N, C-alpha and C. Protein backbone atom coordinates (compact mmCIF):
# COMPACT_ATOMS: atom_id res chain seq x y z
N MET A 1 0.83 -1.18 0.00
CA MET A 1 0.00 0.00 0.00
C MET A 1 0.88 1.25 0.00
N LEU A 2 0.39 2.27 -0.64
CA LEU A 2 1.13 3.52 -0.73
C LEU A 2 1.33 4.15 0.64
N SER A 3 0.36 3.98 1.54
CA SER A 3 0.46 4.58 2.87
C SER A 3 1.63 4.03 3.68
N GLU A 4 2.18 2.92 3.29
CA GLU A 4 3.35 2.38 3.97
C GLU A 4 4.60 3.22 3.66
N PHE A 5 4.60 3.90 2.52
CA PHE A 5 5.76 4.67 2.09
C PHE A 5 5.58 6.18 2.27
N VAL A 6 4.35 6.66 2.13
CA VAL A 6 4.10 8.10 2.16
C VAL A 6 2.95 8.37 3.12
N ASP A 7 3.18 9.29 4.05
CA ASP A 7 2.11 9.67 4.97
C ASP A 7 1.67 11.11 4.68
N ALA A 8 0.72 11.60 5.46
CA ALA A 8 0.17 12.94 5.21
C ALA A 8 1.23 14.04 5.40
N LYS A 9 2.13 13.86 6.36
CA LYS A 9 3.15 14.89 6.58
C LYS A 9 4.15 14.96 5.43
N THR A 10 4.46 13.81 4.85
CA THR A 10 5.34 13.80 3.68
C THR A 10 4.65 14.45 2.50
N SER A 11 3.38 14.15 2.32
CA SER A 11 2.61 14.76 1.22
C SER A 11 2.51 16.26 1.39
N ALA A 12 2.29 16.73 2.62
CA ALA A 12 2.22 18.16 2.89
C ALA A 12 3.56 18.83 2.58
N MET A 13 4.66 18.16 2.91
CA MET A 13 5.99 18.70 2.63
C MET A 13 6.23 18.80 1.13
N ILE A 14 5.84 17.78 0.39
CA ILE A 14 6.03 17.80 -1.07
C ILE A 14 5.23 18.95 -1.68
N LEU A 15 3.98 19.10 -1.28
CA LEU A 15 3.16 20.20 -1.78
C LEU A 15 3.78 21.54 -1.41
N ARG A 16 4.19 21.70 -0.16
CA ARG A 16 4.76 22.95 0.33
C ARG A 16 6.00 23.34 -0.46
N VAL A 17 6.92 22.41 -0.63
CA VAL A 17 8.19 22.71 -1.29
C VAL A 17 7.98 23.02 -2.77
N LEU A 18 7.21 22.21 -3.46
CA LEU A 18 7.05 22.41 -4.90
C LEU A 18 6.26 23.67 -5.23
N VAL A 19 5.15 23.91 -4.53
CA VAL A 19 4.35 25.10 -4.81
C VAL A 19 5.14 26.36 -4.49
N ALA A 20 5.84 26.36 -3.36
CA ALA A 20 6.64 27.54 -3.01
C ALA A 20 7.77 27.77 -4.00
N PHE A 21 8.43 26.69 -4.43
CA PHE A 21 9.51 26.83 -5.42
C PHE A 21 8.98 27.43 -6.72
N PHE A 22 7.85 26.91 -7.21
CA PHE A 22 7.28 27.42 -8.45
C PHE A 22 6.85 28.88 -8.32
N MET A 23 6.33 29.26 -7.14
CA MET A 23 5.95 30.65 -6.92
C MET A 23 7.18 31.55 -6.96
N ILE A 24 8.24 31.14 -6.28
CA ILE A 24 9.47 31.94 -6.28
C ILE A 24 10.05 32.02 -7.69
N TYR A 25 10.21 30.88 -8.34
CA TYR A 25 10.84 30.83 -9.65
C TYR A 25 10.04 31.57 -10.71
N GLY A 26 8.74 31.39 -10.71
CA GLY A 26 7.91 31.97 -11.77
C GLY A 26 7.44 33.38 -11.52
N HIS A 27 7.41 33.82 -10.26
CA HIS A 27 6.79 35.11 -9.95
C HIS A 27 7.60 35.95 -8.96
N GLY A 28 7.99 35.36 -7.85
CA GLY A 28 8.58 36.12 -6.76
C GLY A 28 9.96 36.67 -7.04
N PHE A 29 10.85 35.86 -7.62
CA PHE A 29 12.21 36.31 -7.84
C PHE A 29 12.26 37.55 -8.73
N GLY A 30 11.52 37.55 -9.81
CA GLY A 30 11.49 38.70 -10.71
C GLY A 30 10.97 39.96 -10.03
N LYS A 31 9.93 39.80 -9.21
CA LYS A 31 9.39 40.96 -8.50
C LYS A 31 10.38 41.49 -7.48
N VAL A 32 11.02 40.61 -6.74
CA VAL A 32 12.02 41.05 -5.76
C VAL A 32 13.17 41.77 -6.46
N MET A 33 13.63 41.25 -7.60
CA MET A 33 14.71 41.90 -8.35
C MET A 33 14.27 43.26 -8.89
N ASN A 34 13.01 43.38 -9.30
CA ASN A 34 12.50 44.69 -9.74
C ASN A 34 12.51 45.69 -8.60
N VAL A 35 12.09 45.26 -7.41
CA VAL A 35 12.10 46.16 -6.25
C VAL A 35 13.53 46.57 -5.92
N LEU A 36 14.43 45.60 -5.85
CA LEU A 36 15.82 45.91 -5.51
C LEU A 36 16.51 46.75 -6.58
N GLY A 37 16.09 46.58 -7.84
CA GLY A 37 16.67 47.35 -8.94
C GLY A 37 16.03 48.71 -9.15
N GLY A 38 14.98 49.00 -8.41
CA GLY A 38 14.33 50.30 -8.52
C GLY A 38 13.29 50.40 -9.62
N ASN A 39 12.99 49.31 -10.30
CA ASN A 39 11.95 49.30 -11.32
C ASN A 39 10.62 49.02 -10.65
N LEU A 40 9.90 50.07 -10.28
CA LEU A 40 8.69 49.93 -9.48
C LEU A 40 7.42 50.09 -10.29
N GLN A 41 7.47 49.80 -11.56
CA GLN A 41 6.27 49.84 -12.39
C GLN A 41 5.47 48.57 -12.17
N PHE A 42 4.20 48.74 -11.81
CA PHE A 42 3.36 47.59 -11.48
C PHE A 42 1.91 48.02 -11.56
N LEU A 43 1.03 47.08 -11.38
CA LEU A 43 -0.40 47.36 -11.34
C LEU A 43 -0.76 47.99 -10.00
N ASP A 44 -1.95 48.58 -9.94
CA ASP A 44 -2.44 49.14 -8.68
C ASP A 44 -3.85 48.61 -8.43
N PRO A 45 -3.97 47.31 -8.10
CA PRO A 45 -5.31 46.71 -8.03
C PRO A 45 -6.15 47.17 -6.85
N ILE A 46 -5.55 47.61 -5.76
CA ILE A 46 -6.35 48.00 -4.60
C ILE A 46 -6.20 49.48 -4.23
N GLY A 47 -5.60 50.26 -5.13
CA GLY A 47 -5.55 51.71 -4.96
C GLY A 47 -4.54 52.23 -3.96
N ILE A 48 -3.45 51.51 -3.73
CA ILE A 48 -2.42 51.99 -2.80
C ILE A 48 -1.18 52.50 -3.53
N GLY A 49 -1.26 52.51 -4.85
CA GLY A 49 -0.13 52.95 -5.67
C GLY A 49 0.64 51.77 -6.22
N PRO A 50 1.21 51.93 -7.42
CA PRO A 50 1.93 50.82 -8.03
C PRO A 50 3.19 50.41 -7.28
N GLU A 51 3.87 51.37 -6.66
CA GLU A 51 5.09 51.04 -5.94
C GLU A 51 4.79 50.16 -4.72
N ALA A 52 3.81 50.59 -3.93
CA ALA A 52 3.43 49.81 -2.74
C ALA A 52 2.87 48.45 -3.14
N SER A 53 2.11 48.42 -4.23
CA SER A 53 1.54 47.15 -4.70
C SER A 53 2.65 46.18 -5.09
N LEU A 54 3.67 46.67 -5.79
CA LEU A 54 4.79 45.81 -6.18
C LEU A 54 5.56 45.33 -4.96
N ILE A 55 5.80 46.21 -4.02
CA ILE A 55 6.54 45.82 -2.82
C ILE A 55 5.78 44.74 -2.05
N LEU A 56 4.47 44.90 -1.91
CA LEU A 56 3.68 43.89 -1.21
C LEU A 56 3.65 42.57 -1.97
N ALA A 57 3.51 42.64 -3.30
CA ALA A 57 3.51 41.42 -4.10
C ALA A 57 4.87 40.73 -4.05
N ALA A 58 5.95 41.51 -4.09
CA ALA A 58 7.30 40.94 -4.00
C ALA A 58 7.52 40.31 -2.63
N PHE A 59 7.04 40.95 -1.60
CA PHE A 59 7.15 40.38 -0.25
C PHE A 59 6.41 39.05 -0.18
N ALA A 60 5.18 39.02 -0.68
CA ALA A 60 4.39 37.79 -0.62
C ALA A 60 5.00 36.71 -1.50
N GLU A 61 5.22 37.00 -2.77
CA GLU A 61 5.63 35.98 -3.73
C GLU A 61 7.11 35.63 -3.65
N GLY A 62 7.91 36.49 -3.06
CA GLY A 62 9.34 36.20 -2.92
C GLY A 62 9.69 35.76 -1.51
N ILE A 63 9.46 36.65 -0.55
CA ILE A 63 9.87 36.39 0.83
C ILE A 63 8.98 35.34 1.49
N CYS A 64 7.66 35.55 1.44
CA CYS A 64 6.75 34.59 2.09
C CYS A 64 6.80 33.22 1.42
N ALA A 65 6.95 33.19 0.11
CA ALA A 65 7.08 31.90 -0.58
C ALA A 65 8.35 31.19 -0.14
N PHE A 66 9.43 31.93 0.10
CA PHE A 66 10.66 31.33 0.61
C PHE A 66 10.44 30.78 2.01
N LEU A 67 9.71 31.51 2.85
CA LEU A 67 9.41 31.02 4.19
C LEU A 67 8.60 29.73 4.13
N VAL A 68 7.65 29.67 3.21
CA VAL A 68 6.89 28.43 3.02
C VAL A 68 7.82 27.32 2.55
N LEU A 69 8.70 27.63 1.63
CA LEU A 69 9.63 26.63 1.09
C LEU A 69 10.46 25.97 2.19
N ILE A 70 10.99 26.77 3.10
CA ILE A 70 11.83 26.22 4.17
C ILE A 70 11.00 25.77 5.37
N GLY A 71 9.71 26.07 5.37
CA GLY A 71 8.86 25.64 6.47
C GLY A 71 9.02 26.48 7.72
N PHE A 72 9.19 27.77 7.57
CA PHE A 72 9.32 28.67 8.71
C PHE A 72 8.15 29.64 8.69
N TRP A 73 7.42 29.73 9.79
CA TRP A 73 6.20 30.54 9.86
C TRP A 73 5.28 30.19 8.69
N THR A 74 5.15 28.91 8.45
CA THR A 74 4.47 28.42 7.25
C THR A 74 3.03 28.89 7.16
N ARG A 75 2.30 28.78 8.24
CA ARG A 75 0.88 29.15 8.18
C ARG A 75 0.70 30.65 7.96
N LEU A 76 1.47 31.47 8.65
CA LEU A 76 1.37 32.92 8.46
C LEU A 76 1.78 33.30 7.04
N ALA A 77 2.89 32.75 6.57
CA ALA A 77 3.37 33.07 5.22
C ALA A 77 2.38 32.60 4.16
N SER A 78 1.79 31.42 4.35
CA SER A 78 0.82 30.93 3.36
C SER A 78 -0.47 31.76 3.41
N LEU A 79 -0.84 32.26 4.59
CA LEU A 79 -2.01 33.14 4.68
C LEU A 79 -1.77 34.44 3.90
N ILE A 80 -0.57 34.99 4.01
CA ILE A 80 -0.24 36.20 3.24
C ILE A 80 -0.31 35.89 1.74
N LEU A 81 0.13 34.72 1.33
CA LEU A 81 0.05 34.33 -0.09
C LEU A 81 -1.40 34.10 -0.52
N VAL A 82 -2.24 33.60 0.37
CA VAL A 82 -3.67 33.46 0.06
C VAL A 82 -4.27 34.84 -0.19
N ILE A 83 -3.94 35.80 0.65
CA ILE A 83 -4.44 37.17 0.46
C ILE A 83 -3.91 37.74 -0.85
N ASN A 84 -2.63 37.54 -1.14
CA ASN A 84 -2.03 38.03 -2.37
C ASN A 84 -2.73 37.45 -3.61
N MET A 85 -2.94 36.15 -3.62
CA MET A 85 -3.60 35.52 -4.77
C MET A 85 -5.06 35.95 -4.88
N SER A 86 -5.71 36.16 -3.74
CA SER A 86 -7.10 36.64 -3.76
C SER A 86 -7.18 38.04 -4.36
N VAL A 87 -6.24 38.90 -4.00
CA VAL A 87 -6.20 40.25 -4.59
C VAL A 87 -5.98 40.15 -6.10
N ALA A 88 -5.04 39.30 -6.51
CA ALA A 88 -4.76 39.15 -7.95
C ALA A 88 -6.01 38.70 -8.71
N ILE A 89 -6.74 37.75 -8.14
CA ILE A 89 -7.92 37.22 -8.82
C ILE A 89 -9.08 38.20 -8.77
N PHE A 90 -9.44 38.64 -7.55
CA PHE A 90 -10.68 39.38 -7.37
C PHE A 90 -10.57 40.89 -7.61
N PHE A 91 -9.35 41.42 -7.60
CA PHE A 91 -9.19 42.86 -7.82
C PHE A 91 -8.49 43.19 -9.12
N HIS A 92 -7.90 42.19 -9.79
CA HIS A 92 -7.25 42.44 -11.07
C HIS A 92 -7.88 41.63 -12.20
N HIS A 93 -7.82 40.31 -12.11
CA HIS A 93 -8.25 39.47 -13.23
C HIS A 93 -9.75 39.54 -13.50
N ILE A 94 -10.57 39.36 -12.49
CA ILE A 94 -12.02 39.37 -12.72
C ILE A 94 -12.51 40.75 -13.15
N PRO A 95 -12.12 41.85 -12.47
CA PRO A 95 -12.57 43.16 -12.96
C PRO A 95 -12.07 43.51 -14.36
N SER A 96 -10.93 42.94 -14.76
CA SER A 96 -10.40 43.21 -16.09
C SER A 96 -11.13 42.42 -17.17
N GLY A 97 -12.02 41.53 -16.74
CA GLY A 97 -12.76 40.72 -17.71
C GLY A 97 -11.95 39.58 -18.28
N ASP A 98 -10.89 39.18 -17.59
CA ASP A 98 -10.05 38.08 -18.07
C ASP A 98 -10.84 36.78 -18.09
N ALA A 99 -10.58 35.96 -19.09
CA ALA A 99 -11.15 34.62 -19.14
C ALA A 99 -10.50 33.78 -18.05
N PHE A 100 -11.18 32.71 -17.65
CA PHE A 100 -10.65 31.87 -16.56
C PHE A 100 -9.25 31.38 -16.86
N GLY A 101 -8.96 31.05 -18.10
CA GLY A 101 -7.63 30.56 -18.47
C GLY A 101 -6.53 31.56 -18.19
N ASP A 102 -6.88 32.85 -18.15
CA ASP A 102 -5.89 33.89 -17.89
C ASP A 102 -5.52 33.99 -16.42
N PHE A 103 -6.38 33.50 -15.54
CA PHE A 103 -6.02 33.53 -14.12
C PHE A 103 -6.12 32.16 -13.46
N GLU A 104 -6.06 31.14 -14.29
CA GLU A 104 -6.10 29.78 -13.77
C GLU A 104 -4.92 29.50 -12.85
N ALA A 105 -3.73 29.95 -13.20
CA ALA A 105 -2.54 29.73 -12.35
C ALA A 105 -2.73 30.40 -10.99
N ALA A 106 -3.24 31.63 -10.97
CA ALA A 106 -3.48 32.32 -9.70
C ALA A 106 -4.51 31.56 -8.86
N ALA A 107 -5.53 31.01 -9.50
CA ALA A 107 -6.54 30.23 -8.78
C ALA A 107 -5.94 28.95 -8.21
N LEU A 108 -5.08 28.30 -8.98
CA LEU A 108 -4.43 27.08 -8.48
C LEU A 108 -3.48 27.39 -7.32
N TYR A 109 -2.73 28.48 -7.42
CA TYR A 109 -1.89 28.90 -6.30
C TYR A 109 -2.74 29.22 -5.07
N LEU A 110 -3.87 29.88 -5.27
CA LEU A 110 -4.77 30.20 -4.16
C LEU A 110 -5.19 28.92 -3.44
N VAL A 111 -5.65 27.95 -4.19
CA VAL A 111 -6.10 26.68 -3.59
C VAL A 111 -4.93 25.98 -2.90
N ALA A 112 -3.77 25.94 -3.53
CA ALA A 112 -2.61 25.26 -2.95
C ALA A 112 -2.19 25.92 -1.64
N PHE A 113 -2.17 27.24 -1.59
CA PHE A 113 -1.74 27.90 -0.36
C PHE A 113 -2.81 27.81 0.73
N ILE A 114 -4.08 27.69 0.35
CA ILE A 114 -5.12 27.41 1.35
C ILE A 114 -4.87 26.03 1.97
N VAL A 115 -4.57 25.05 1.14
CA VAL A 115 -4.30 23.70 1.64
C VAL A 115 -3.05 23.69 2.52
N ILE A 116 -2.01 24.39 2.11
CA ILE A 116 -0.79 24.47 2.93
C ILE A 116 -1.10 25.14 4.27
N PHE A 117 -1.91 26.18 4.25
CA PHE A 117 -2.32 26.84 5.50
C PHE A 117 -3.04 25.86 6.41
N LEU A 118 -3.94 25.07 5.86
CA LEU A 118 -4.71 24.12 6.67
C LEU A 118 -3.88 22.94 7.16
N LEU A 119 -2.98 22.42 6.32
CA LEU A 119 -2.19 21.25 6.68
C LEU A 119 -0.99 21.57 7.56
N GLY A 120 -0.43 22.76 7.42
CA GLY A 120 0.81 23.07 8.09
C GLY A 120 1.99 22.64 7.23
N PRO A 121 3.19 22.73 7.75
CA PRO A 121 4.38 22.53 6.93
C PRO A 121 4.72 21.08 6.58
N GLY A 122 4.25 20.12 7.37
CA GLY A 122 4.63 18.73 7.10
C GLY A 122 6.03 18.44 7.60
N LYS A 123 6.66 17.46 6.98
CA LYS A 123 8.01 17.03 7.39
C LYS A 123 9.08 18.01 6.93
N PHE A 124 10.23 17.89 7.57
CA PHE A 124 11.44 18.63 7.20
C PHE A 124 11.20 20.13 7.11
N ALA A 125 10.58 20.66 8.15
CA ALA A 125 10.29 22.09 8.21
C ALA A 125 10.89 22.65 9.50
N ILE A 126 11.25 23.90 9.45
CA ILE A 126 11.76 24.57 10.65
C ILE A 126 10.65 24.65 11.70
N ASP A 127 9.39 24.81 11.25
CA ASP A 127 8.25 24.91 12.15
C ASP A 127 7.99 23.64 12.96
N LYS A 128 8.43 22.51 12.46
CA LYS A 128 8.21 21.20 13.10
C LYS A 128 6.73 20.90 13.29
N GLY A 129 5.92 21.19 12.26
CA GLY A 129 4.51 20.80 12.29
C GLY A 129 3.58 21.73 13.02
N ARG A 130 4.01 22.92 13.36
CA ARG A 130 3.13 23.87 14.05
C ARG A 130 2.18 24.52 13.11
């Protein structure tokens, strides 16, 4: 049986590491580099200005995703990512009239980070399952 080799904590760790890595690689690293390089052009989905919006998105998708990756403050970091993905979907994609395929990745990240928030970090995390 598969349960003899893989348990829920191992599955949670696999989900946590892969989703966080993909978020950093595909979204967070570029945003963090833009902030550090002074290129602060970005969207303003909630009316706080493009600079602040980019800094918050870079923090969520770069820093918080890294915290999820290593399993440190996993639930708090994943909650921040849930908020970030919710803003992307409900304040940018849907009001822009985007088709579902245009924000499918954001929706999948939203669901994945909700699951990570609920499950916790799993194995091999600094949090040790908190």
